[in-house]
Amino acid sequence: MARHDASTEETLMRSSLYLAAAASLVLGGVALAQPPAGGAPGGGGGGQRMPPAERFAAMDANKDGAVDKSEWRGPAERFDAIDANKDGKITLAELQAAPPGGGGGGQGGGAPRGN
């Protein structure tokens, strides 16, 4: 009977080990699936932002070299603040010259969200 108890104890230990390993994999996967702090779509946080040229390329959906209001996904007030010459379009130069200010929506400054 002592052999049976040792076998049962060994089985329980193995089960516990497998359960702990599975939990580690699941929790590790959940942690990796989270966006980096501050880099999450929608702005916010204090993490690193996408460089202006990359943000601009992401925002310029029709690739015409300008972001118009139909491509902009942030607050209208922010668009108006960046559009220095008030022509209804934001150029890369205007985006680069704009003072930092949150609320651009999307990936750090107006990048489109999935519609």
Protein backbone atom coordinates (compact mmCIF):
# COMPACT_ATOMS: atom_id res chain seq x y z
CA MET A 1 0.00 0.00 0.00
CA ALA A 2 2.95 2.35 0.60
CA ARG A 3 3.81 2.03 -3.13
CA HIS A 4 0.33 3.19 -4.06
CA ASP A 5 0.58 6.26 -1.80
CA ALA A 6 3.97 7.22 -3.28
CA SER A 7 2.59 6.80 -6.80
CA THR A 8 -0.42 8.98 -5.95
CA GLU A 9 1.83 11.61 -4.41
CA GLU A 10 4.06 11.58 -7.50
CA THR A 11 1.03 11.98 -9.76
CA LEU A 12 -0.22 14.93 -7.71
CA MET A 13 3.20 16.57 -7.85
CA ARG A 14 3.37 16.13 -11.62
CA SER A 15 -0.13 17.50 -12.02
CA SER A 16 0.76 20.53 -9.92
CA LEU A 17 3.89 21.08 -11.98
CA TYR A 18 1.95 20.86 -15.27
CA LEU A 19 -0.71 23.21 -13.93
CA ALA A 20 1.92 25.76 -12.85
CA ALA A 21 3.66 25.54 -16.24
CA ALA A 22 0.36 25.98 -18.11
CA ALA A 23 -0.59 28.98 -15.95
CA SER A 24 2.81 30.58 -16.61
CA LEU A 25 2.36 30.17 -20.36
CA VAL A 26 -1.15 31.59 -20.32
CA LEU A 27 -0.27 34.56 -18.13
CA GLY A 28 2.90 35.21 -20.13
CA GLY A 29 0.88 35.20 -23.34
CA VAL A 30 -1.61 37.65 -21.90
CA ALA A 31 1.20 39.97 -20.83
CA LEU A 32 2.76 39.87 -24.30
CA ALA A 33 -0.58 40.61 -25.93
CA GLN A 34 -0.85 43.94 -24.08
CA PRO A 35 0.24 47.08 -25.94
CA PRO A 36 3.32 48.80 -24.56
CA ALA A 37 2.72 51.54 -22.01
CA GLY A 38 1.96 54.80 -23.74
CA GLY A 39 2.19 53.30 -27.19
CA ALA A 40 -1.33 52.06 -27.27
CA PRO A 41 -3.56 53.21 -30.08
CA GLY A 42 -5.59 56.14 -28.92
CA GLY A 43 -2.64 58.03 -27.44
CA GLY A 44 -2.22 58.38 -23.71
CA GLY A 45 0.56 57.26 -21.45
CA GLY A 46 4.14 58.39 -21.43
CA GLY A 47 5.78 55.78 -23.60
CA GLN A 48 7.61 56.34 -26.84
CA ARG A 49 5.62 57.70 -29.73
CA MET A 50 5.88 56.79 -33.35
CA PRO A 51 8.19 59.17 -35.28
CA PRO A 52 6.26 61.96 -37.09
CA ALA A 53 7.02 60.61 -40.58
CA GLU A 54 5.67 57.17 -39.63
CA ARG A 55 2.59 58.68 -37.97
CA PHE A 56 1.98 60.82 -41.04
CA ALA A 57 2.28 57.82 -43.39
CA ALA A 58 -0.21 55.90 -41.23
CA MET A 59 -2.66 58.81 -41.26
CA ASP A 60 -2.39 59.54 -45.00
CA ALA A 61 -4.75 56.76 -46.07
CA ASN A 62 -4.96 57.78 -49.73
CA LYS A 63 -1.20 58.53 -49.94
CA ASP A 64 -1.69 61.96 -51.53
CA GLY A 65 0.91 63.59 -49.28
CA ALA A 66 -1.63 65.29 -47.03
CA VAL A 67 -4.04 64.29 -44.28
CA ASP A 68 -7.49 65.76 -44.72
CA LYS A 69 -10.36 65.76 -42.24
CA SER A 70 -11.81 62.54 -43.65
CA GLU A 71 -8.54 60.73 -42.81
CA TRP A 72 -8.17 62.32 -39.37
CA ARG A 73 -9.42 60.32 -36.39
CA GLY A 74 -8.58 62.72 -33.60
CA PRO A 75 -10.40 65.73 -32.21
CA ALA A 76 -11.28 68.41 -34.78
CA GLU A 77 -9.68 71.03 -32.51
CA ARG A 78 -6.33 69.25 -32.75
CA PHE A 79 -6.60 69.02 -36.54
CA ASP A 80 -7.29 72.75 -36.71
CA ALA A 81 -4.35 73.49 -34.42
CA ILE A 82 -1.94 71.47 -36.61
CA ASP A 83 -3.29 72.83 -39.93
CA ALA A 84 -1.16 75.98 -39.81
CA ASN A 85 -2.22 77.45 -43.17
CA LYS A 86 -5.89 76.52 -42.66
CA ASP A 87 -6.24 74.83 -46.06
CA GLY A 88 -8.10 71.83 -44.61
CA LYS A 89 -5.09 69.52 -44.97
CA ILE A 90 -2.16 68.65 -42.75
CA THR A 91 1.24 68.21 -44.38
CA LEU A 92 4.19 66.39 -42.87
CA ALA A 93 5.87 69.77 -42.29
CA GLU A 94 2.82 71.01 -40.36
CA LEU A 95 2.72 67.85 -38.29
CA GLN A 96 6.42 68.12 -37.48
CA ALA A 97 6.08 71.81 -36.56
CA ALA A 98 3.04 71.28 -34.35
CA PRO A 99 3.63 71.50 -30.62
CA PRO A 100 3.08 68.25 -28.76
CA GLY A 101 -0.49 67.94 -27.62
CA GLY A 102 -2.45 64.84 -26.82
CA GLY A 103 -5.70 63.80 -28.30
CA GLY A 104 -4.54 63.11 -31.83
CA GLY A 105 -6.38 59.82 -31.75
CA GLY A 106 -4.97 56.68 -33.26
CA GLN A 107 -1.31 55.90 -33.04
CA GLY A 108 0.09 58.93 -31.34
CA GLY A 109 -1.49 61.75 -33.31
CA GLY A 110 -4.40 61.07 -35.56
CA ALA A 111 -3.61 57.74 -37.14
CA PRO A 112 -6.72 55.99 -38.37
CA ARG A 113 -8.61 53.53 -36.27
CA GLY A 114 -10.33 50.55 -37.76
CA ASN A 115 -13.70 51.67 -39.10
